[in-house]
């Protein structure tokens, strides 16, 4: 009996999180798709990346291999690959994301229990490379540019990640074109310990049309927290986040986002609400906003006879 059947039929059951077979990280078969390994310290891109002993050195090389595997034939088209990555402060600038694949940080970097990736990542694809999950990673910039710039993309997921502004970065995430099915959950957007400003323009910037955007359970710090800078936004939910901003905690130019149960802090003067919050109050529920001159509920609590 193969190890995959053994662990499913015995007490040694599979453990799956968001469709990811965590036993893949132990060298066991994934539930679906190939598993690739990246070791930034000691790997080699000339290796196949199919085990820790034969790990690749760069995430870009593993992405190339995974994308080729997904596209190779019908057995890969509906699969979902996994890339496990570890190393001390991996440094690279990505221009292609892995299709139908989850990238999972494991191991540690200094005192961080995540894998740190330093760089600026610009995806300018045509929409055919889709559906990437990023988990348990710290993304850190080494200049003022945006950490993640995304154009025309479908199916992006950030879970349990940290975005650190090591220099005065403009954005952590910026969607520059039309995107859909985009989730940011349980992440931390922060400045570093050297006292740099938080993300200077906005921690999360939505400049292009957005469809099906879900932002939940995050700590978000920036000059602006979340900036939806376009009129084309559908099925947008901003829920249960803690947002700390210099000016606007949320700036929703579409007035279409559902904004619920957020705890928000602005250094601005809330005497004029529009200077610290711009959203459709009719689509708000259960939000609390603290400003330099007091605290307000959004929407204001009202009782009806």
C-alpha atoms as a PDB file:
ATOM      1  CA  UNK A   1       0.000   0.000   0.000  1.00  0.00           C
ATOM      2  CA  UNK A   2       1.429   3.390  -0.969  1.00  0.00           C
ATOM      3  CA  UNK A   3       2.056   6.031   1.683  1.00  0.00           C
ATOM      4  CA  UNK A   4      -0.764   8.208   0.329  1.00  0.00           C
ATOM      5  CA  UNK A   5      -3.362   5.426   0.718  1.00  0.00           C
ATOM      6  CA  UNK A   6      -1.874   4.385   4.057  1.00  0.00           C
ATOM      7  CA  UNK A   7      -2.268   7.777   5.661  1.00  0.00           C
ATOM      8  CA  UNK A   8      -5.827   8.137   4.388  1.00  0.00           C
ATOM      9  CA  UNK A   9      -7.019   4.669   5.496  1.00  0.00           C
ATOM     10  CA  UNK A  10      -5.215   4.548   8.822  1.00  0.00           C
ATOM     11  CA  UNK A  11      -5.251   6.868  11.822  1.00  0.00           C
ATOM     12  CA  UNK A  12      -2.612   8.947  10.040  1.00  0.00           C
ATOM     13  CA  UNK A  13      -5.143  11.082   8.207  1.00  0.00           C
ATOM     14  CA  UNK A  14      -4.534  13.838   5.687  1.00  0.00           C
ATOM     15  CA  UNK A  15      -4.617  17.394   6.977  1.00  0.00           C
ATOM     16  CA  UNK A  16      -5.857  19.949   4.487  1.00  0.00           C
ATOM     17  CA  UNK A  17      -6.155  23.719   4.943  1.00  0.00           C
ATOM     18  CA  UNK A  18      -7.818  25.721   2.164  1.00  0.00           C
ATOM     19  CA  UNK A  19      -7.226  22.798  -0.160  1.00  0.00           C
ATOM     20  CA  UNK A  20      -3.530  22.571   0.751  1.00  0.00           C
ATOM     21  CA  UNK A  21      -2.231  19.175   1.851  1.00  0.00           C
ATOM     22  CA  UNK A  22       0.070  20.056   4.716  1.00  0.00           C
ATOM     23  CA  UNK A  23       1.747  16.654   4.561  1.00  0.00           C
ATOM     24  CA  UNK A  24       3.261  17.854   1.299  1.00  0.00           C
ATOM     25  CA  UNK A  25       5.631  19.861   3.479  1.00  0.00           C
ATOM     26  CA  UNK A  26       6.837  16.587   4.981  1.00  0.00           C
ATOM     27  CA  UNK A  27       7.644  15.154   1.588  1.00  0.00           C
ATOM     28  CA  UNK A  28       4.410  13.176   1.306  1.00  0.00           C
ATOM     29  CA  UNK A  29       2.168  13.309  -1.738  1.00  0.00           C
ATOM     30  CA  UNK A  30      -0.174  16.245  -2.130  1.00  0.00           C
ATOM     31  CA  UNK A  31      -3.901  15.671  -2.426  1.00  0.00           C
ATOM     32  CA  UNK A  32      -3.823  17.354  -5.828  1.00  0.00           C
ATOM     33  CA  UNK A  33      -0.998  18.564  -8.007  1.00  0.00           C
ATOM     34  CA  UNK A  34       2.771  18.714  -7.649  1.00  0.00           C
ATOM     35  CA  UNK A  35       4.721  19.955  -4.616  1.00  0.00           C
ATOM     36  CA  UNK A  36       7.839  22.067  -5.165  1.00  0.00           C
ATOM     37  CA  UNK A  37      10.415  23.186  -2.608  1.00  0.00           C
ATOM     38  CA  UNK A  38      12.488  26.369  -2.441  1.00  0.00           C
ATOM     39  CA  UNK A  39      15.472  26.790  -0.093  1.00  0.00           C
ATOM     40  CA  UNK A  40      16.852  30.302  -0.559  1.00  0.00           C
ATOM     41  CA  UNK A  41      20.011  29.611   1.450  1.00  0.00           C
ATOM     42  CA  UNK A  42      21.242  26.347  -0.030  1.00  0.00           C
ATOM     43  CA  UNK A  43      19.026  25.385  -2.984  1.00  0.00           C
ATOM     44  CA  UNK A  44      20.035  25.239  -6.645  1.00  0.00           C
ATOM     45  CA  UNK A  45      17.820  26.284  -9.547  1.00  0.00           C
ATOM     46  CA  UNK A  46      19.365  23.525 -11.666  1.00  0.00           C
ATOM     47  CA  UNK A  47      17.629  20.960  -9.427  1.00  0.00           C
ATOM     48  CA  UNK A  48      14.072  19.737 -10.004  1.00  0.00           C
ATOM     49  CA  UNK A  49      12.724  21.193  -6.721  1.00  0.00           C
ATOM     50  CA  UNK A  50      10.651  18.096  -5.934  1.00  0.00           C
ATOM     51  CA  UNK A  51      12.149  17.531  -2.457  1.00  0.00           C
ATOM     52  CA  UNK A  52      14.026  19.507   0.183  1.00  0.00           C
ATOM     53  CA  UNK A  53      17.192  17.631  -0.829  1.00  0.00           C
ATOM     54  CA  UNK A  54      16.715  18.843  -4.406  1.00  0.00           C
ATOM     55  CA  UNK A  55      15.208  22.241  -3.579  1.00  0.00           C
ATOM     56  CA  UNK A  56      15.388  25.187  -5.909  1.00  0.00           C
ATOM     57  CA  UNK A  57      17.078  28.387  -4.811  1.00  0.00           C
ATOM     58  CA  UNK A  58      14.609  30.949  -6.158  1.00  0.00           C
ATOM     59  CA  UNK A  59      10.862  31.192  -6.100  1.00  0.00           C
ATOM     60  CA  UNK A  60      10.923  32.334  -9.735  1.00  0.00           C
ATOM     61  CA  UNK A  61      12.470  29.025 -10.814  1.00  0.00           C
ATOM     62  CA  UNK A  62       9.865  27.032  -8.865  1.00  0.00           C
ATOM     63  CA  UNK A  63       7.087  29.139 -10.390  1.00  0.00           C
ATOM     64  CA  UNK A  64       8.378  28.391 -13.893  1.00  0.00           C
ATOM     65  CA  UNK A  65       8.395  24.665 -13.149  1.00  0.00           C
ATOM     66  CA  UNK A  66       4.947  24.705 -11.531  1.00  0.00           C
ATOM     67  CA  UNK A  67       3.345  26.706 -14.331  1.00  0.00           C
ATOM     68  CA  UNK A  68       4.779  24.320 -16.916  1.00  0.00           C
ATOM     69  CA  UNK A  69       3.372  21.382 -14.977  1.00  0.00           C
ATOM     70  CA  UNK A  70      -0.116  22.916 -14.718  1.00  0.00           C
ATOM     71  CA  UNK A  71      -0.152  23.696 -18.451  1.00  0.00           C
ATOM     72  CA  UNK A  72       1.314  20.365 -19.594  1.00  0.00           C
ATOM     73  CA  UNK A  73      -1.936  18.449 -19.994  1.00  0.00           C
ATOM     74  CA  UNK A  74      -5.450  17.762 -18.819  1.00  0.00           C
ATOM     75  CA  UNK A  75      -4.264  16.093 -15.603  1.00  0.00           C
ATOM     76  CA  UNK A  76      -2.820  19.414 -14.487  1.00  0.00           C
ATOM     77  CA  UNK A  77      -5.504  21.822 -15.630  1.00  0.00           C
ATOM     78  CA  UNK A  78      -7.803  21.218 -12.657  1.00  0.00           C
ATOM     79  CA  UNK A  79      -5.005  20.536 -10.166  1.00  0.00           C
ATOM     80  CA  UNK A  80      -3.593  22.870  -7.571  1.00  0.00           C
ATOM     81  CA  UNK A  81       0.138  22.822  -6.990  1.00  0.00           C
ATOM     82  CA  UNK A  82       2.002  23.809  -3.830  1.00  0.00           C
ATOM     83  CA  UNK A  83       5.330  25.581  -3.360  1.00  0.00           C
ATOM     84  CA  UNK A  84       6.956  25.438   0.084  1.00  0.00           C
ATOM     85  CA  UNK A  85       9.620  28.088   0.654  1.00  0.00           C
ATOM     86  CA  UNK A  86      12.128  28.729   3.428  1.00  0.00           C
ATOM     87  CA  UNK A  87      15.318  30.727   3.804  1.00  0.00           C
ATOM     88  CA  UNK A  88      16.799  33.773   5.511  1.00  0.00           C
ATOM     89  CA  UNK A  89      15.420  36.875   3.807  1.00  0.00           C
ATOM     90  CA  UNK A  90      14.954  35.561   0.275  1.00  0.00           C
ATOM     91  CA  UNK A  91      15.552  38.432  -2.154  1.00  0.00           C
ATOM     92  CA  UNK A  92      13.918  38.540  -5.586  1.00  0.00           C
ATOM     93  CA  UNK A  93      11.543  40.626  -7.692  1.00  0.00           C
ATOM     94  CA  UNK A  94       8.762  38.489  -9.159  1.00  0.00           C
ATOM     95  CA  UNK A  95       7.148  39.288 -12.506  1.00  0.00           C
ATOM     96  CA  UNK A  96       5.143  36.058 -12.926  1.00  0.00           C
ATOM     97  CA  UNK A  97       2.922  34.477 -10.273  1.00  0.00           C
ATOM     98  CA  UNK A  98       2.267  30.722 -10.066  1.00  0.00           C
ATOM     99  CA  UNK A  99      -0.958  29.570 -11.717  1.00  0.00           C
ATOM    100  CA  UNK A 100      -3.362  27.437  -9.674  1.00  0.00           C
ATOM    101  CA  UNK A 101      -0.819  27.192  -6.899  1.00  0.00           C
ATOM    102  CA  UNK A 102      -0.329  28.015  -3.208  1.00  0.00           C
ATOM    103  CA  UNK A 103       2.981  29.419  -1.978  1.00  0.00           C
ATOM    104  CA  UNK A 104       3.515  28.591   1.718  1.00  0.00           C
ATOM    105  CA  UNK A 105       6.268  29.946   3.932  1.00  0.00           C
ATOM    106  CA  UNK A 106       7.761  27.458   6.385  1.00  0.00           C
ATOM    107  CA  UNK A 107      10.698  27.531   8.728  1.00  0.00           C
ATOM    108  CA  UNK A 108      11.771  30.918  10.106  1.00  0.00           C
ATOM    109  CA  UNK A 109      13.789  34.052   9.417  1.00  0.00           C
ATOM    110  CA  UNK A 110      15.565  35.575  12.418  1.00  0.00           C
ATOM    111  CA  UNK A 111      12.870  35.835  15.115  1.00  0.00           C
ATOM    112  CA  UNK A 112      10.098  35.704  12.496  1.00  0.00           C
ATOM    113  CA  UNK A 113       8.092  32.480  12.260  1.00  0.00           C
ATOM    114  CA  UNK A 114       7.501  33.140   8.583  1.00  0.00           C
ATOM    115  CA  UNK A 115       9.556  33.167   5.419  1.00  0.00           C
ATOM    116  CA  UNK A 116      10.685  36.696   4.504  1.00  0.00           C
ATOM    117  CA  UNK A 117      10.751  37.748   0.846  1.00  0.00           C
ATOM    118  CA  UNK A 118      12.429  41.089   0.120  1.00  0.00           C
ATOM    119  CA  UNK A 119      11.597  42.815  -3.154  1.00  0.00           C
ATOM    120  CA  UNK A 120       8.997  44.412  -5.395  1.00  0.00           C
ATOM    121  CA  UNK A 121       6.655  42.220  -7.411  1.00  0.00           C
ATOM    122  CA  UNK A 122       4.924  43.409 -10.591  1.00  0.00           C
ATOM    123  CA  UNK A 123       2.489  41.074 -12.336  1.00  0.00           C
ATOM    124  CA  UNK A 124       1.534  42.516 -15.714  1.00  0.00           C
ATOM    125  CA  UNK A 125       0.095  39.367 -17.252  1.00  0.00           C
ATOM    126  CA  UNK A 126      -2.823  39.114 -19.636  1.00  0.00           C
ATOM    127  CA  UNK A 127      -5.085  37.316 -17.168  1.00  0.00           C
ATOM    128  CA  UNK A 128      -4.235  33.784 -18.307  1.00  0.00           C
ATOM    129  CA  UNK A 129      -1.996  33.178 -15.271  1.00  0.00           C
ATOM    130  CA  UNK A 130      -4.539  32.992 -12.473  1.00  0.00           C
ATOM    131  CA  UNK A 131      -5.341  31.816  -8.965  1.00  0.00           C
ATOM    132  CA  UNK A 132      -2.373  32.260  -6.621  1.00  0.00           C
ATOM    133  CA  UNK A 133      -2.474  31.801  -2.855  1.00  0.00           C
ATOM    134  CA  UNK A 134       0.227  33.306  -0.587  1.00  0.00           C
ATOM    135  CA  UNK A 135       0.358  31.996   2.996  1.00  0.00           C
ATOM    136  CA  UNK A 136       2.549  32.532   6.070  1.00  0.00           C
ATOM    137  CA  UNK A 137       4.976  34.922   4.366  1.00  0.00           C
ATOM    138  CA  UNK A 138       6.456  38.300   5.201  1.00  0.00           C
ATOM    139  CA  UNK A 139       6.820  40.621   2.222  1.00  0.00           C
ATOM    140  CA  UNK A 140       9.287  43.448   2.766  1.00  0.00           C
ATOM    141  CA  UNK A 141      10.323  46.207   0.371  1.00  0.00           C
ATOM    142  CA  UNK A 142      13.850  47.508  -0.210  1.00  0.00           C
ATOM    143  CA  UNK A 143      12.849  50.816  -1.813  1.00  0.00           C
ATOM    144  CA  UNK A 144       9.956  53.252  -2.072  1.00  0.00           C
ATOM    145  CA  UNK A 145       8.004  51.323  -4.713  1.00  0.00           C
ATOM    146  CA  UNK A 146       4.867  49.259  -4.110  1.00  0.00           C
ATOM    147  CA  UNK A 147       5.517  45.739  -2.804  1.00  0.00           C
ATOM    148  CA  UNK A 148       2.815  44.041  -4.957  1.00  0.00           C
ATOM    149  CA  UNK A 149       1.534  45.629  -8.162  1.00  0.00           C
ATOM    150  CA  UNK A 150      -1.137  43.531  -9.863  1.00  0.00           C
ATOM    151  CA  UNK A 151      -2.665  44.101 -13.302  1.00  0.00           C
ATOM    152  CA  UNK A 152      -5.541  42.060 -14.780  1.00  0.00           C
ATOM    153  CA  UNK A 153      -5.601  39.139 -12.407  1.00  0.00           C
ATOM    154  CA  UNK A 154      -8.172  36.661 -11.148  1.00  0.00           C
ATOM    155  CA  UNK A 155      -8.063  34.631  -7.953  1.00  0.00           C
ATOM    156  CA  UNK A 156      -5.443  36.215  -5.692  1.00  0.00           C
ATOM    157  CA  UNK A 157      -5.385  35.217  -2.006  1.00  0.00           C
ATOM    158  CA  UNK A 158      -3.188  36.535   0.804  1.00  0.00           C
ATOM    159  CA  UNK A 159      -3.601  34.652   4.084  1.00  0.00           C
ATOM    160  CA  UNK A 160      -1.696  35.104   7.351  1.00  0.00           C
ATOM    161  CA  UNK A 161       0.936  37.303   5.698  1.00  0.00           C
ATOM    162  CA  UNK A 162       2.856  40.396   6.850  1.00  0.00           C
ATOM    163  CA  UNK A 163       3.613  43.406   4.656  1.00  0.00           C
ATOM    164  CA  UNK A 164       6.441  45.492   6.110  1.00  0.00           C
ATOM    165  CA  UNK A 165       7.390  48.988   4.916  1.00  0.00           C
ATOM    166  CA  UNK A 166      11.156  48.871   5.365  1.00  0.00           C
ATOM    167  CA  UNK A 167      11.529  52.127   3.436  1.00  0.00           C
ATOM    168  CA  UNK A 168       8.864  54.741   2.739  1.00  0.00           C
ATOM    169  CA  UNK A 169       6.897  52.500   0.392  1.00  0.00           C
ATOM    170  CA  UNK A 170       3.880  53.854  -1.480  1.00  0.00           C
ATOM    171  CA  UNK A 171       1.649  50.754  -1.203  1.00  0.00           C
ATOM    172  CA  UNK A 172       1.759  47.219   0.110  1.00  0.00           C
ATOM    173  CA  UNK A 173      -0.723  46.059  -2.556  1.00  0.00           C
ATOM    174  CA  UNK A 174      -1.881  48.025  -5.610  1.00  0.00           C
ATOM    175  CA  UNK A 175      -4.255  46.700  -8.251  1.00  0.00           C
ATOM    176  CA  UNK A 176      -3.525  48.743 -11.355  1.00  0.00           C
ATOM    177  CA  UNK A 177      -5.941  46.967 -13.698  1.00  0.00           C
ATOM    178  CA  UNK A 178      -9.176  45.004 -13.613  1.00  0.00           C
ATOM    179  CA  UNK A 179      -9.068  42.217 -10.988  1.00  0.00           C
ATOM    180  CA  UNK A 180     -11.586  39.767  -9.547  1.00  0.00           C
ATOM    181  CA  UNK A 181     -11.893  37.153  -6.801  1.00  0.00           C
ATOM    182  CA  UNK A 182      -9.354  38.836  -4.544  1.00  0.00           C
ATOM    183  CA  UNK A 183      -9.076  37.974  -0.826  1.00  0.00           C
ATOM    184  CA  UNK A 184      -6.884  39.521   1.890  1.00  0.00           C
ATOM    185  CA  UNK A 185      -7.414  37.751   5.220  1.00  0.00           C
ATOM    186  CA  UNK A 186      -5.657  37.770   8.594  1.00  0.00           C
ATOM    187  CA  UNK A 187      -2.715  39.858   7.377  1.00  0.00           C
ATOM    188  CA  UNK A 188      -0.667  42.623   8.999  1.00  0.00           C
ATOM    189  CA  UNK A 189       0.314  45.803   7.162  1.00  0.00           C
ATOM    190  CA  UNK A 190       2.935  47.674   9.175  1.00  0.00           C
ATOM    191  CA  UNK A 191       6.024  49.881   9.229  1.00  0.00           C
ATOM    192  CA  UNK A 192       9.316  48.440  10.405  1.00  0.00           C
ATOM    193  CA  UNK A 193      11.119  48.889  13.688  1.00  0.00           C
ATOM    194  CA  UNK A 194      13.408  51.598  12.257  1.00  0.00           C
ATOM    195  CA  UNK A 195      10.613  54.142  12.404  1.00  0.00           C
ATOM    196  CA  UNK A 196       9.795  54.483   8.706  1.00  0.00           C
ATOM    197  CA  UNK A 197       6.404  55.896   7.886  1.00  0.00           C
ATOM    198  CA  UNK A 198       3.610  53.440   7.147  1.00  0.00           C
ATOM    199  CA  UNK A 199       2.653  52.975   3.494  1.00  0.00           C
ATOM    200  CA  UNK A 200       2.793  56.534   2.176  1.00  0.00           C
ATOM    201  CA  UNK A 201      -0.082  56.479  -0.324  1.00  0.00           C
ATOM    202  CA  UNK A 202      -2.247  53.625   0.994  1.00  0.00           C
ATOM    203  CA  UNK A 203      -1.627  50.197   2.477  1.00  0.00           C
ATOM    204  CA  UNK A 204      -4.149  48.659   0.031  1.00  0.00           C
ATOM    205  CA  UNK A 205      -4.835  50.575  -3.177  1.00  0.00           C
ATOM    206  CA  UNK A 206      -7.529  49.499  -5.653  1.00  0.00           C
ATOM    207  CA  UNK A 207      -6.946  51.654  -8.740  1.00  0.00           C
ATOM    208  CA  UNK A 208      -8.572  49.412 -11.350  1.00  0.00           C
ATOM    209  CA  UNK A 209     -12.015  47.865 -11.574  1.00  0.00           C
ATOM    210  CA  UNK A 210     -12.519  45.273  -8.832  1.00  0.00           C
ATOM    211  CA  UNK A 211     -15.010  42.407  -8.632  1.00  0.00           C
ATOM    212  CA  UNK A 212     -15.448  40.149  -5.596  1.00  0.00           C
ATOM    213  CA  UNK A 213     -13.007  41.723  -3.130  1.00  0.00           C
ATOM    214  CA  UNK A 214     -12.962  40.416   0.446  1.00  0.00           C
ATOM    215  CA  UNK A 215     -10.797  42.130   3.098  1.00  0.00           C
ATOM    216  CA  UNK A 216     -11.270  40.607   6.553  1.00  0.00           C
ATOM    217  CA  UNK A 217      -9.518  40.227   9.938  1.00  0.00           C
ATOM    218  CA  UNK A 218      -6.448  42.324   9.100  1.00  0.00           C
ATOM    219  CA  UNK A 219      -4.404  44.953  10.918  1.00  0.00           C
ATOM    220  CA  UNK A 220      -3.828  47.718   8.362  1.00  0.00           C
ATOM    221  CA  UNK A 221      -1.608  50.755   8.846  1.00  0.00           C
ATOM    222  CA  UNK A 222      -0.945  53.431   6.229  1.00  0.00           C
ATOM    223  CA  UNK A 223      -1.337  57.067   5.308  1.00  0.00           C
ATOM    224  CA  UNK A 224      -4.664  55.798   3.971  1.00  0.00           C
ATOM    225  CA  UNK A 225      -5.753  52.346   5.091  1.00  0.00           C
ATOM    226  CA  UNK A 226      -7.842  51.094   2.145  1.00  0.00           C
ATOM    227  CA  UNK A 227      -8.198  53.239  -0.981  1.00  0.00           C
ATOM    228  CA  UNK A 228     -10.759  52.180  -3.598  1.00  0.00           C
ATOM    229  CA  UNK A 229      -9.886  54.748  -6.239  1.00  0.00           C
ATOM    230  CA  UNK A 230     -12.372  53.868  -8.970  1.00  0.00           C
ATOM    231  CA  UNK A 231     -16.113  53.781  -9.577  1.00  0.00           C
ATOM    232  CA  UNK A 232     -16.267  50.148 -10.737  1.00  0.00           C
ATOM    233  CA  UNK A 233     -16.407  47.983  -7.629  1.00  0.00           C
ATOM    234  CA  UNK A 234     -18.793  45.070  -7.194  1.00  0.00           C
ATOM    235  CA  UNK A 235     -19.216  42.585  -4.328  1.00  0.00           C
ATOM    236  CA  UNK A 236     -16.683  44.365  -2.130  1.00  0.00           C
ATOM    237  CA  UNK A 237     -16.712  43.490   1.586  1.00  0.00           C
ATOM    238  CA  UNK A 238     -14.456  45.145   4.199  1.00  0.00           C
ATOM    239  CA  UNK A 239     -15.116  43.366   7.486  1.00  0.00           C
ATOM    240  CA  UNK A 240     -13.661  43.105  11.001  1.00  0.00           C
ATOM    241  CA  UNK A 241     -10.375  44.880  10.345  1.00  0.00           C
ATOM    242  CA  UNK A 242      -8.349  47.137  12.630  1.00  0.00           C
ATOM    243  CA  UNK A 243      -7.244  50.130  10.559  1.00  0.00           C
ATOM    244  CA  UNK A 244      -4.816  52.834  11.727  1.00  0.00           C
ATOM    245  CA  UNK A 245      -4.346  55.736   9.305  1.00  0.00           C
ATOM    246  CA  UNK A 246      -2.814  59.182   9.151  1.00  0.00           C
ATOM    247  CA  UNK A 247      -5.788  60.571   7.201  1.00  0.00           C
ATOM    248  CA  UNK A 248      -8.549  58.411   5.694  1.00  0.00           C
ATOM    249  CA  UNK A 249      -9.069  54.986   7.213  1.00  0.00           C
ATOM    250  CA  UNK A 250     -11.172  53.988   4.194  1.00  0.00           C
ATOM    251  CA  UNK A 251     -11.580  55.981   0.989  1.00  0.00           C
ATOM    252  CA  UNK A 252     -14.229  54.305  -1.179  1.00  0.00           C
ATOM    253  CA  UNK A 253     -14.735  56.350  -4.343  1.00  0.00           C
ATOM    254  CA  UNK A 254     -17.197  53.778  -5.688  1.00  0.00           C
ATOM    255  CA  UNK A 255     -19.531  54.088  -2.667  1.00  0.00           C
ATOM    256  CA  UNK A 256     -20.356  50.415  -3.255  1.00  0.00           C
ATOM    257  CA  UNK A 257     -18.297  48.634  -0.587  1.00  0.00           C
ATOM    258  CA  UNK A 258     -20.067  46.918   2.306  1.00  0.00           C
ATOM    259  CA  UNK A 259     -18.146  48.050   5.412  1.00  0.00           C
ATOM    260  CA  UNK A 260     -18.905  46.139   8.629  1.00  0.00           C
ATOM    261  CA  UNK A 261     -17.533  45.632  12.144  1.00  0.00           C
ATOM    262  CA  UNK A 262     -14.257  47.500  11.658  1.00  0.00           C
ATOM    263  CA  UNK A 263     -12.307  49.258  14.414  1.00  0.00           C
ATOM    264  CA  UNK A 264     -10.620  52.293  12.925  1.00  0.00           C
ATOM    265  CA  UNK A 265      -8.240  54.992  14.178  1.00  0.00           C
ATOM    266  CA  UNK A 266      -7.284  58.159  12.307  1.00  0.00           C
ATOM    267  CA  UNK A 267      -4.842  60.855  13.378  1.00  0.00           C
ATOM    268  CA  UNK A 268      -7.014  63.337  11.492  1.00  0.00           C
ATOM    269  CA  UNK A 269      -9.685  65.702  12.756  1.00  0.00           C
ATOM    270  CA  UNK A 270     -13.060  63.994  12.540  1.00  0.00           C
ATOM    271  CA  UNK A 271     -15.092  67.181  12.836  1.00  0.00           C
ATOM    272  CA  UNK A 272     -15.675  66.792   9.105  1.00  0.00           C
ATOM    273  CA  UNK A 273     -16.208  63.054   8.631  1.00  0.00           C
ATOM    274  CA  UNK A 274     -15.119  63.097   4.975  1.00  0.00           C
ATOM    275  CA  UNK A 275     -11.550  63.952   5.977  1.00  0.00           C
ATOM    276  CA  UNK A 276     -11.149  60.663   7.856  1.00  0.00           C
ATOM    277  CA  UNK A 277     -13.720  58.337   6.250  1.00  0.00           C
ATOM    278  CA  UNK A 278     -15.245  58.245   2.768  1.00  0.00           C
ATOM    279  CA  UNK A 279     -17.791  55.493   2.240  1.00  0.00           C
ATOM    280  CA  UNK A 280     -21.480  54.845   1.753  1.00  0.00           C
ATOM    281  CA  UNK A 281     -23.005  55.021   5.233  1.00  0.00           C
ATOM    282  CA  UNK A 282     -26.046  53.145   3.916  1.00  0.00           C
ATOM    283  CA  UNK A 283     -23.745  50.133   3.378  1.00  0.00           C
ATOM    284  CA  UNK A 284     -22.085  50.343   6.811  1.00  0.00           C
ATOM    285  CA  UNK A 285     -22.876  48.473  10.029  1.00  0.00           C
ATOM    286  CA  UNK A 286     -21.157  48.135  13.394  1.00  0.00           C
ATOM    287  CA  UNK A 287     -18.060  50.276  12.763  1.00  0.00           C
ATOM    288  CA  UNK A 288     -16.250  52.392  15.360  1.00  0.00           C
ATOM    289  CA  UNK A 289     -13.958  55.256  14.312  1.00  0.00           C
ATOM    290  CA  UNK A 290     -11.658  57.129  16.691  1.00  0.00           C
ATOM    291  CA  UNK A 291     -10.166  60.445  15.531  1.00  0.00           C
ATOM    292  CA  UNK A 292      -8.059  63.186  17.119  1.00  0.00           C
ATOM    293  CA  UNK A 293     -11.171  64.815  18.553  1.00  0.00           C
ATOM    294  CA  UNK A 294     -13.407  61.926  19.543  1.00  0.00           C
ATOM    295  CA  UNK A 295     -15.116  58.690  18.614  1.00  0.00           C
ATOM    296  CA  UNK A 296     -18.041  58.034  16.272  1.00  0.00           C
ATOM    297  CA  UNK A 297     -20.153  55.051  15.246  1.00  0.00           C
ATOM    298  CA  UNK A 298     -20.604  54.351  11.545  1.00  0.00           C
ATOM    299  CA  UNK A 299     -23.463  54.522  10.990  1.00  0.00           C
ATOM    300  CA  UNK A 300     -24.621  56.545  13.980  1.00  0.00           C
ATOM    301  CA  UNK A 301     -26.819  54.482  16.293  1.00  0.00           C
ATOM    302  CA  UNK A 302     -30.487  55.328  15.904  1.00  0.00           C
ATOM    303  CA  UNK A 303     -33.617  53.854  17.457  1.00  0.00           C
ATOM    304  CA  UNK A 304     -36.941  53.829  15.647  1.00  0.00           C
ATOM    305  CA  UNK A 305     -40.351  54.096  17.278  1.00  0.00           C
END
